[in-house]
C-alpha atoms as a PDB file:
ATOM      1  CA  MET A   1     -46.721 130.097 -21.865  1.00  0.00           C
ATOM      2  CA  GLU A   2     -47.996 132.855 -24.135  1.00  0.00           C
ATOM      3  CA  ILE A   3     -49.075 132.946 -27.765  1.00  0.00           C
ATOM      4  CA  VAL A   4     -46.735 134.676 -30.205  1.00  0.00           C
ATOM      5  CA  SER A   5     -48.197 134.094 -33.660  1.00  0.00           C
ATOM      6  CA  GLY A   6     -51.798 134.846 -32.760  1.00  0.00           C
ATOM      7  CA  LEU A   7     -53.989 137.845 -31.974  1.00  0.00           C
ATOM      8  CA  GLY A   8     -53.966 138.852 -28.333  1.00  0.00           C
ATOM      9  CA  GLU A   9     -56.038 141.268 -26.311  1.00  0.00           C
ATOM     10  CA  LYS A  10     -53.322 143.902 -26.765  1.00  0.00           C
ATOM     11  CA  PRO A  11     -50.057 144.229 -28.750  1.00  0.00           C
ATOM     12  CA  HIS A  12     -47.804 141.577 -27.279  1.00  0.00           C
ATOM     13  CA  VAL A  13     -45.210 140.328 -29.803  1.00  0.00           C
ATOM     14  CA  THR A  14     -41.776 141.615 -28.821  1.00  0.00           C
ATOM     15  CA  SER A  15     -38.647 142.101 -30.896  1.00  0.00           C
ATOM     16  CA  GLN A  16     -36.955 139.587 -28.610  1.00  0.00           C
ATOM     17  CA  GLN A  17     -39.533 136.932 -29.525  1.00  0.00           C
ATOM     18  CA  PHE A  18     -39.136 137.729 -33.216  1.00  0.00           C
ATOM     19  CA  ARG A  19     -35.382 137.344 -32.886  1.00  0.00           C
ATOM     20  CA  GLN A  20     -35.925 133.971 -31.192  1.00  0.00           C
ATOM     21  CA  ILE A  21     -37.841 132.780 -34.249  1.00  0.00           C
ATOM     22  CA  LEU A  22     -35.117 133.997 -36.587  1.00  0.00           C
ATOM     23  CA  GLU A  23     -32.363 132.431 -34.476  1.00  0.00           C
ATOM     24  CA  GLY A  24     -34.166 129.112 -34.779  1.00  0.00           C
ATOM     25  CA  THR A  25     -34.437 129.341 -38.566  1.00  0.00           C
ATOM     26  CA  ILE A  26     -31.529 131.449 -39.836  1.00  0.00           C
ATOM     27  CA  GLY A  27     -29.146 130.642 -36.995  1.00  0.00           C
ATOM     28  CA  GLN A  28     -27.685 132.333 -33.927  1.00  0.00           C
ATOM     29  CA  LYS A  29     -24.504 133.629 -35.528  1.00  0.00           C
ATOM     30  CA  SER A  30     -23.925 136.428 -38.034  1.00  0.00           C
ATOM     31  CA  TYR A  31     -24.717 136.119 -41.728  1.00  0.00           C
ATOM     32  CA  ILE A  32     -25.444 138.130 -44.833  1.00  0.00           C
ATOM     33  CA  VAL A  33     -28.880 137.035 -46.007  1.00  0.00           C
ATOM     34  CA  THR A  34     -29.144 136.601 -49.786  1.00  0.00           C
ATOM     35  CA  SER A  35     -30.768 139.841 -50.925  1.00  0.00           C
ATOM     36  CA  GLY A  36     -29.986 142.761 -53.204  1.00  0.00           C
ATOM     37  CA  GLU A  37     -26.225 143.133 -53.666  1.00  0.00           C
ATOM     38  CA  ASN A  38     -25.379 141.201 -50.486  1.00  0.00           C
ATOM     39  CA  LEU A  39     -23.907 144.281 -48.758  1.00  0.00           C
ATOM     40  CA  GLU A  40     -21.006 144.367 -51.203  1.00  0.00           C
ATOM     41  CA  PRO A  41     -18.444 147.006 -50.154  1.00  0.00           C
ATOM     42  CA  GLU A  42     -16.968 149.550 -52.556  1.00  0.00           C
ATOM     43  CA  LEU A  43     -14.014 151.724 -51.580  1.00  0.00           C
ATOM     44  CA  ALA A  44     -14.956 155.064 -53.148  1.00  0.00           C
ATOM     45  CA  ALA A  45     -11.912 156.815 -51.649  1.00  0.00           C
ATOM     46  CA  ASN A  46      -9.422 156.238 -48.851  1.00  0.00           C
ATOM     47  CA  ASN A  47     -11.856 158.043 -46.544  1.00  0.00           C
ATOM     48  CA  LEU A  48     -15.182 156.777 -47.917  1.00  0.00           C
ATOM     49  CA  LEU A  49     -16.690 153.284 -48.047  1.00  0.00           C
ATOM     50  CA  LYS A  50     -19.923 152.541 -49.895  1.00  0.00           C
ATOM     51  CA  ILE A  51     -21.972 149.546 -48.755  1.00  0.00           C
ATOM     52  CA  ARG A  52     -24.409 148.274 -51.361  1.00  0.00           C
ATOM     53  CA  SER A  53     -27.938 147.008 -50.727  1.00  0.00           C
ATOM     54  CA  GLY A  54     -28.570 143.857 -48.782  1.00  0.00           C
ATOM     55  CA  MET A  55     -29.654 142.335 -45.518  1.00  0.00           C
ATOM     56  CA  MET A  56     -27.914 140.680 -42.598  1.00  0.00           C
ATOM     57  CA  SER A  57     -28.785 138.815 -39.432  1.00  0.00           C
ATOM     58  CA  HIS A  58     -26.764 139.100 -36.226  1.00  0.00           C
ATOM     59  CA  HIS A  59     -27.922 137.090 -33.203  1.00  0.00           C
ATOM     60  CA  GLY A  60     -31.402 137.035 -34.730  1.00  0.00           C
ATOM     61  CA  ASN A  61     -31.459 140.800 -35.278  1.00  0.00           C
ATOM     62  CA  VAL A  62     -32.126 141.624 -38.940  1.00  0.00           C
ATOM     63  CA  SER A  63     -31.100 144.942 -40.504  1.00  0.00           C
ATOM     64  CA  SER A  64     -30.781 146.079 -44.101  1.00  0.00           C
ATOM     65  CA  VAL A  65     -29.604 148.582 -46.662  1.00  0.00           C
ATOM     66  CA  LYS A  66     -32.608 149.247 -48.880  1.00  0.00           C
ATOM     67  CA  ILE A  67     -32.699 147.806 -52.384  1.00  0.00           C
ATOM     68  CA  GLY A  68     -31.552 150.317 -54.985  1.00  0.00           C
ATOM     69  CA  THR A  69     -29.577 152.372 -52.448  1.00  0.00           C
ATOM     70  CA  TYR A  70     -26.245 152.275 -50.672  1.00  0.00           C
ATOM     71  CA  ASP A  71     -24.876 153.509 -47.351  1.00  0.00           C
ATOM     72  CA  GLU A  72     -21.830 155.762 -47.102  1.00  0.00           C
ATOM     73  CA  VAL A  73     -19.410 155.276 -44.231  1.00  0.00           C
ATOM     74  CA  GLU A  74     -16.751 157.894 -43.519  1.00  0.00           C
ATOM     75  CA  LEU A  75     -13.293 156.551 -42.794  1.00  0.00           C
ATOM     76  CA  THR A  76     -10.311 158.015 -40.957  1.00  0.00           C
ATOM     77  CA  ASN A  77      -7.209 158.500 -43.082  1.00  0.00           C
ATOM     78  CA  GLY A  78      -4.163 156.346 -42.499  1.00  0.00           C
ATOM     79  CA  SER A  79      -0.767 157.574 -41.318  1.00  0.00           C
ATOM     80  CA  GLN A  80       2.450 157.793 -43.316  1.00  0.00           C
ATOM     81  CA  GLY A  81       4.758 154.874 -42.596  1.00  0.00           C
ATOM     82  CA  MET A  82       2.249 153.151 -40.315  1.00  0.00           C
ATOM     83  CA  LYS A  83      -0.101 150.193 -40.662  1.00  0.00           C
ATOM     84  CA  ARG A  84      -3.538 149.838 -39.145  1.00  0.00           C
ATOM     85  CA  ILE A  85      -6.670 147.680 -39.126  1.00  0.00           C
ATOM     86  CA  ASP A  86     -10.051 149.314 -38.569  1.00  0.00           C
ATOM     87  CA  LEU A  87     -13.349 147.528 -38.064  1.00  0.00           C
ATOM     88  CA  VAL A  88     -16.612 148.525 -39.684  1.00  0.00           C
ATOM     89  CA  VAL A  89     -19.278 147.135 -37.378  1.00  0.00           C
ATOM     90  CA  ASN A  90     -23.050 147.005 -37.581  1.00  0.00           C
ATOM     91  CA  ARG A  91     -23.912 148.288 -34.125  1.00  0.00           C
ATOM     92  CA  TYR A  92     -27.196 147.435 -32.438  1.00  0.00           C
ATOM     93  CA  THR A  93     -28.294 149.736 -29.623  1.00  0.00           C
ATOM     94  CA  ARG A  94     -31.331 149.929 -27.376  1.00  0.00           C
ATOM     95  CA  ASN A  95     -32.323 152.993 -25.393  1.00  0.00           C
ATOM     96  CA  ALA A  96     -32.741 151.876 -21.782  1.00  0.00           C
ATOM     97  CA  GLU A  97     -35.509 154.402 -21.124  1.00  0.00           C
ATOM     98  CA  THR A  98     -37.605 154.195 -24.301  1.00  0.00           C
ATOM     99  CA  ASN A  99     -36.547 150.675 -25.433  1.00  0.00           C
ATOM    100  CA  ILE A 100     -36.170 152.083 -28.964  1.00  0.00           C
ATOM    101  CA  GLU A 101     -33.761 149.887 -30.943  1.00  0.00           C
ATOM    102  CA  LYS A 102     -31.649 150.799 -33.970  1.00  0.00           C
ATOM    103  CA  ASN A 103     -28.743 149.694 -36.141  1.00  0.00           C
ATOM    104  CA  GLU A 104     -26.011 151.897 -37.576  1.00  0.00           C
ATOM    105  CA  TRP A 105     -22.563 151.594 -39.141  1.00  0.00           C
ATOM    106  CA  VAL A 106     -19.710 152.439 -36.789  1.00  0.00           C
ATOM    107  CA  VAL A 107     -15.994 152.483 -37.570  1.00  0.00           C
ATOM    108  CA  ILE A 108     -13.740 151.359 -34.736  1.00  0.00           C
ATOM    109  CA  MET A 109     -10.215 152.572 -35.392  1.00  0.00           C
ATOM    110  CA  GLY A 110      -7.287 150.308 -34.661  1.00  0.00           C
ATOM    111  CA  THR A 111      -3.888 151.323 -33.302  1.00  0.00           C
ATOM    112  CA  PRO A 112      -1.324 152.468 -35.903  1.00  0.00           C
ATOM    113  CA  VAL A 113       1.899 150.434 -35.687  1.00  0.00           C
ATOM    114  CA  ALA A 114       5.003 149.994 -37.808  1.00  0.00           C
ATOM    115  CA  SER A 115       4.175 146.352 -38.530  1.00  0.00           C
ATOM    116  CA  ASN A 116       1.793 143.508 -37.658  1.00  0.00           C
ATOM    117  CA  PRO A 117      -1.332 145.536 -36.891  1.00  0.00           C
ATOM    118  CA  VAL A 118      -4.259 143.903 -35.104  1.00  0.00           C
ATOM    119  CA  ALA A 119      -7.977 144.570 -35.272  1.00  0.00           C
ATOM    120  CA  PRO A 120      -9.422 146.620 -32.410  1.00  0.00           C
ATOM    121  CA  ALA A 121     -11.774 145.302 -29.746  1.00  0.00           C
ATOM    122  CA  TYR A 122     -15.529 145.660 -30.122  1.00  0.00           C
ATOM    123  CA  THR A 123     -18.592 145.194 -27.925  1.00  0.00           C
ATOM    124  CA  VAL A 124     -19.987 141.656 -27.791  1.00  0.00           C
ATOM    125  CA  GLY A 125     -23.559 141.738 -26.538  1.00  0.00           C
ATOM    126  CA  ASN A 126     -26.354 139.267 -25.921  1.00  0.00           C
ATOM    127  CA  LEU A 127     -29.683 140.560 -27.178  1.00  0.00           C
ATOM    128  CA  GLN A 128     -31.680 137.793 -25.518  1.00  0.00           C
ATOM    129  CA  LYS A 129     -30.306 138.924 -22.159  1.00  0.00           C
ATOM    130  CA  GLY A 130     -31.242 142.514 -22.862  1.00  0.00           C
ATOM    131  CA  ASP A 131     -27.803 144.006 -23.520  1.00  0.00           C
ATOM    132  CA  LEU A 132     -27.963 147.587 -24.757  1.00  0.00           C
ATOM    133  CA  VAL A 133     -25.099 147.357 -27.281  1.00  0.00           C
ATOM    134  CA  ASP A 134     -24.067 144.535 -29.616  1.00  0.00           C
ATOM    135  CA  ASP A 135     -21.453 145.012 -32.356  1.00  0.00           C
ATOM    136  CA  CYS A 136     -21.195 142.789 -35.414  1.00  0.00           C
ATOM    137  CA  PRO A 137     -17.902 143.167 -37.330  1.00  0.00           C
ATOM    138  CA  VAL A 138     -18.770 143.186 -41.044  1.00  0.00           C
ATOM    139  CA  PHE A 139     -15.598 144.538 -42.696  1.00  0.00           C
ATOM    140  CA  GLU A 140     -11.925 144.908 -41.843  1.00  0.00           C
ATOM    141  CA  LEU A 141     -10.108 147.887 -43.376  1.00  0.00           C
ATOM    142  CA  HIS A 142      -6.390 147.276 -43.833  1.00  0.00           C
ATOM    143  CA  TYR A 143      -4.205 150.388 -44.074  1.00  0.00           C
ATOM    144  CA  ASP A 144      -0.644 150.639 -45.297  1.00  0.00           C
ATOM    145  CA  GLY A 145       0.418 154.239 -44.900  1.00  0.00           C
ATOM    146  CA  ILE A 146      -2.370 156.545 -46.026  1.00  0.00           C
ATOM    147  CA  ASN A 147      -3.935 153.959 -48.341  1.00  0.00           C
ATOM    148  CA  VAL A 148      -6.577 151.309 -47.693  1.00  0.00           C
ATOM    149  CA  THR A 149      -5.044 148.194 -49.237  1.00  0.00           C
ATOM    150  CA  GLU A 150      -7.854 145.742 -48.489  1.00  0.00           C
ATOM    151  CA  VAL A 151     -11.510 145.706 -47.516  1.00  0.00           C
ATOM    152  CA  LYS A 152     -11.958 142.264 -45.991  1.00  0.00           C
ATOM    153  CA  LYS A 153     -15.478 140.856 -45.708  1.00  0.00           C
ATOM    154  CA  MET A 154     -16.041 139.161 -42.349  1.00  0.00           C
ATOM    155  CA  LEU A 155     -19.411 137.473 -42.992  1.00  0.00           C
ATOM    156  CA  SER A 156     -20.461 134.722 -45.355  1.00  0.00           C
ATOM    157  CA  VAL A 157     -23.587 134.899 -47.508  1.00  0.00           C
ATOM    158  CA  LEU A 158     -26.237 132.511 -46.238  1.00  0.00           C
ATOM    159  CA  PRO A 159     -27.702 130.336 -49.060  1.00  0.00           C
ATOM    160  CA  ASN A 160     -31.436 130.636 -49.595  1.00  0.00           C
ATOM    161  CA  VAL A 161     -33.795 127.635 -49.533  1.00  0.00           C
ATOM    162  CA  ALA A 162     -33.684 127.159 -53.320  1.00  0.00           C
ATOM    163  CA  GLU A 163     -29.874 127.032 -53.243  1.00  0.00           C
ATOM    164  CA  LEU A 164     -29.908 124.563 -50.367  1.00  0.00           C
ATOM    165  CA  ASN A 165     -32.426 122.339 -52.151  1.00  0.00           C
ATOM    166  CA  SER A 166     -30.214 122.276 -55.243  1.00  0.00           C
ATOM    167  CA  LYS A 167     -27.419 120.752 -53.128  1.00  0.00           C
ATOM    168  CA  ILE A 168     -29.472 117.873 -51.716  1.00  0.00           C
ATOM    169  CA  PRO A 169     -28.397 114.534 -53.270  1.00  0.00           C
ATOM    170  CA  LYS A 170     -30.944 113.036 -55.651  1.00  0.00           C
ATOM    171  CA  ILE A 171     -31.449 109.295 -55.499  1.00  0.00           C
ATOM    172  CA  LYS A 172     -33.171 106.911 -57.894  1.00  0.00           C
ATOM    173  CA  SER A 173     -33.481 103.178 -57.270  1.00  0.00           C
ATOM    174  CA  GLY A 174     -35.057 100.345 -59.191  1.00  0.00           C
ATOM    175  CA  THR A 175     -34.470  97.286 -61.352  1.00  0.00           C
ATOM    176  CA  LYS A 176     -33.231  97.197 -64.913  1.00  0.00           C
ATOM    177  CA  ILE A 177     -32.941  94.330 -67.408  1.00  0.00           C
ATOM    178  CA  LEU A 178     -29.650  94.392 -69.298  1.00  0.00           C
ATOM    179  CA  GLN A 179     -28.495  92.250 -72.189  1.00  0.00           C
ATOM    180  CA  GLY A 180     -25.017  90.784 -72.054  1.00  0.00           C
ATOM    181  CA  THR A 181     -22.553  91.965 -74.695  1.00  0.00           C
ATOM    182  CA  GLY A 182     -19.999  89.200 -74.447  1.00  0.00           C
ATOM    183  CA  ASN A 183     -17.377  91.400 -72.799  1.00  0.00           C
ATOM    184  CA  ARG A 184     -16.670  92.924 -69.446  1.00  0.00           C
ATOM    185  CA  TYR A 185     -18.945  95.941 -69.802  1.00  0.00           C
ATOM    186  CA  LEU A 186     -22.679  96.441 -69.743  1.00  0.00           C
ATOM    187  CA  GLU A 187     -24.311  99.802 -70.314  1.00  0.00           C
ATOM    188  CA  LEU A 188     -26.440 100.633 -67.288  1.00  0.00           C
ATOM    189  CA  PHE A 189     -27.572 104.175 -68.143  1.00  0.00           C
ATOM    190  CA  THR A 190     -27.064 106.509 -71.027  1.00  0.00           C
ATOM    191  CA  MET A 191     -26.482 110.148 -70.144  1.00  0.00           C
ATOM    192  CA  ALA A 192     -29.849 110.940 -71.702  1.00  0.00           C
ATOM    193  CA  GLU A 193     -31.514 108.624 -69.182  1.00  0.00           C
ATOM    194  CA  LEU A 194     -29.596 110.178 -66.304  1.00  0.00           C
ATOM    195  CA  GLU A 195     -30.509 113.657 -67.480  1.00  0.00           C
ATOM    196  CA  GLU A 196     -34.159 112.626 -67.649  1.00  0.00           C
ATOM    197  CA  MET A 197     -34.063 111.150 -64.140  1.00  0.00           C
ATOM    198  CA  PHE A 198     -32.171 113.979 -62.459  1.00  0.00           C
ATOM    199  CA  GLY A 199     -32.920 116.980 -64.620  1.00  0.00           C
ATOM    200  CA  VAL A 200     -29.235 117.699 -65.158  1.00  0.00           C
ATOM    201  CA  SER A 201     -27.121 117.980 -68.272  1.00  0.00           C
ATOM    202  CA  ASN A 202     -23.602 117.391 -66.970  1.00  0.00           C
ATOM    203  CA  THR A 203     -22.076 114.959 -69.460  1.00  0.00           C
ATOM    204  CA  ASP A 204     -18.901 114.082 -67.576  1.00  0.00           C
ATOM    205  CA  SER A 205     -20.233 114.128 -64.045  1.00  0.00           C
ATOM    206  CA  PRO A 206     -17.797 112.726 -61.471  1.00  0.00           C
ATOM    207  CA  ASN A 207     -20.551 113.236 -58.921  1.00  0.00           C
ATOM    208  CA  TYR A 208     -22.659 110.413 -60.267  1.00  0.00           C
ATOM    209  CA  VAL A 209     -22.246 107.233 -58.232  1.00  0.00           C
ATOM    210  CA  ILE A 210     -23.844 103.942 -59.280  1.00  0.00           C
ATOM    211  CA  TYR A 211     -24.033 100.775 -57.257  1.00  0.00           C
ATOM    212  CA  ALA A 212     -25.352  97.501 -58.674  1.00  0.00           C
ATOM    213  CA  CYS A 213     -25.725  93.911 -57.590  1.00  0.00           C
ATOM    214  CA  ASN A 214     -26.866  90.633 -59.123  1.00  0.00           C
ATOM    215  CA  ALA A 215     -30.553  90.136 -58.390  1.00  0.00           C
ATOM    216  CA  ASP A 216     -31.382  86.776 -59.996  1.00  0.00           C
ATOM    217  CA  ASP A 217     -28.457  84.567 -58.908  1.00  0.00           C
ATOM    218  CA  SER A 218     -27.476  84.002 -62.535  1.00  0.00           C
ATOM    219  CA  ALA A 219     -23.892  83.726 -63.716  1.00  0.00           C
ATOM    220  CA  LEU A 220     -23.538  87.467 -63.562  1.00  0.00           C
ATOM    221  CA  GLY A 221     -20.351  87.375 -61.588  1.00  0.00           C
ATOM    222  CA  GLN A 222     -19.137  89.707 -58.927  1.00  0.00           C
ATOM    223  CA  ILE A 223     -18.872  93.420 -59.693  1.00  0.00           C
ATOM    224  CA  ASP A 224     -15.234  94.395 -59.613  1.00  0.00           C
ATOM    225  CA  ASN A 225     -14.592  98.117 -59.936  1.00  0.00           C
ATOM    226  CA  GLY A 226     -18.291  98.820 -60.142  1.00  0.00           C
ATOM    227  CA  ILE A 227     -18.703 101.558 -62.710  1.00  0.00           C
ATOM    228  CA  ALA A 228     -16.925 103.429 -65.427  1.00  0.00           C
ATOM    229  CA  TYR A 229     -18.009 106.485 -67.359  1.00  0.00           C
ATOM    230  CA  THR A 230     -17.238 106.607 -71.071  1.00  0.00           C
ATOM    231  CA  THR A 231     -17.333 110.049 -72.637  1.00  0.00           C
ATOM    232  CA  ASP A 232     -17.431 108.600 -76.143  1.00  0.00           C
ATOM    233  CA  ALA A 233     -20.576 106.590 -75.506  1.00  0.00           C
ATOM    234  CA  LYS A 234     -21.995 109.181 -73.113  1.00  0.00           C
ATOM    235  CA  ALA A 235     -23.009 106.292 -70.865  1.00  0.00           C
ATOM    236  CA  TRP A 236     -22.366 104.721 -67.506  1.00  0.00           C
ATOM    237  CA  MET A 237     -21.032 101.177 -67.838  1.00  0.00           C
ATOM    238  CA  LEU A 238     -20.892  98.344 -65.336  1.00  0.00           C
ATOM    239  CA  TRP A 239     -17.593  96.468 -65.170  1.00  0.00           C
ATOM    240  CA  PHE A 240     -17.891  92.807 -64.171  1.00  0.00           C
ATOM    241  CA  GLU A 241     -15.214  90.394 -63.031  1.00  0.00           C
ATOM    242  CA  SER A 242     -16.467  87.676 -65.395  1.00  0.00           C
ATOM    243  CA  ASN A 243     -17.712  87.909 -68.946  1.00  0.00           C
ATOM    244  CA  ILE A 244     -21.444  88.008 -69.614  1.00  0.00           C
ATOM    245  CA  THR A 245     -22.724  85.716 -72.318  1.00  0.00           C
ATOM    246  CA  SER A 246     -23.651  87.741 -75.352  1.00  0.00           C
ATOM    247  CA  GLY A 247     -27.423  88.100 -75.586  1.00  0.00           C
ATOM    248  CA  LYS A 248     -28.054  86.824 -72.055  1.00  0.00           C
ATOM    249  CA  ASN A 249     -30.518  88.908 -70.111  1.00  0.00           C
ATOM    250  CA  VAL A 250     -29.562  89.782 -66.557  1.00  0.00           C
ATOM    251  CA  ARG A 251     -31.539  91.652 -63.930  1.00  0.00           C
ATOM    252  CA  ILE A 252     -29.743  94.383 -61.998  1.00  0.00           C
ATOM    253  CA  ASN A 253     -30.848  96.132 -58.839  1.00  0.00           C
ATOM    254  CA  TYR A 254     -29.489  99.643 -58.983  1.00  0.00           C
ATOM    255  CA  SER A 255     -29.285 102.795 -56.935  1.00  0.00           C
ATOM    256  CA  VAL A 256     -28.086 105.975 -58.593  1.00  0.00           C
ATOM    257  CA  THR A 257     -27.075 109.017 -56.571  1.00  0.00           C
ATOM    258  CA  PHE A 258     -26.339 112.422 -57.993  1.00  0.00           C
ATOM    259  CA  ASN A 259     -24.327 114.442 -55.486  1.00  0.00           C
ATOM    260  CA  PRO A 260     -24.342 118.150 -56.398  1.00  0.00           C
ATOM    261  CA  ASP A 261     -21.119 120.090 -56.083  1.00  0.00           C
ATOM    262  CA  ILE A 262     -21.284 121.652 -52.627  1.00  0.00           C
ATOM    263  CA  SER A 263     -17.960 123.449 -52.721  1.00  0.00           C
END
């Protein structure tokens, strides 16, 4: 066992160890890390692709296009009457003698065919095993004749911590005293109360779910369909199987969950 995050007698932290840390936090696959313009591609011409600023992680190896800049990648022209798929890969290499590592954009040209082109092969490496080359496909270039008809992004943008936190369900539980209205509905929460509890302002939220049960063994009756949202009253209402005596106080145990839209 050796220390990684502490001061040693000599420089000792390796790029492999750093990649191990990143694989454990970001993940072992390939992602665009939220930064800059998220490596957005721009086809400047049929033979020139611009890649905007951003950062990506591939097998724990992080590389970037500096903020406020862009990379230019030269493309090979298509052929009249032929179709083709090229790959733009982020290639990692390590010099076996010096151990110097680098990343660079490389275009791997596919085979021109009359129809149904396929993407070319690329080098799949394992950095933790010391492989010298590891390609990460980032874009597919689809050619129809001499023209690039599509620049297809191959990687998804990894949400940052703030975005992930915003998608965690928020739950509030407690007890509330309600007064019967003499009909089948009781107002459990107004939207203003829900907004105060959850810090949201969605007035017709289908993602709100409310569960309630009788807590005092009174003649509350069994909850039938549970809840209903009324846009006119801007409130969540409980729907009971039996009527509640007007003016009768009932005690409700409740649990309210706000599930953010994770699509």
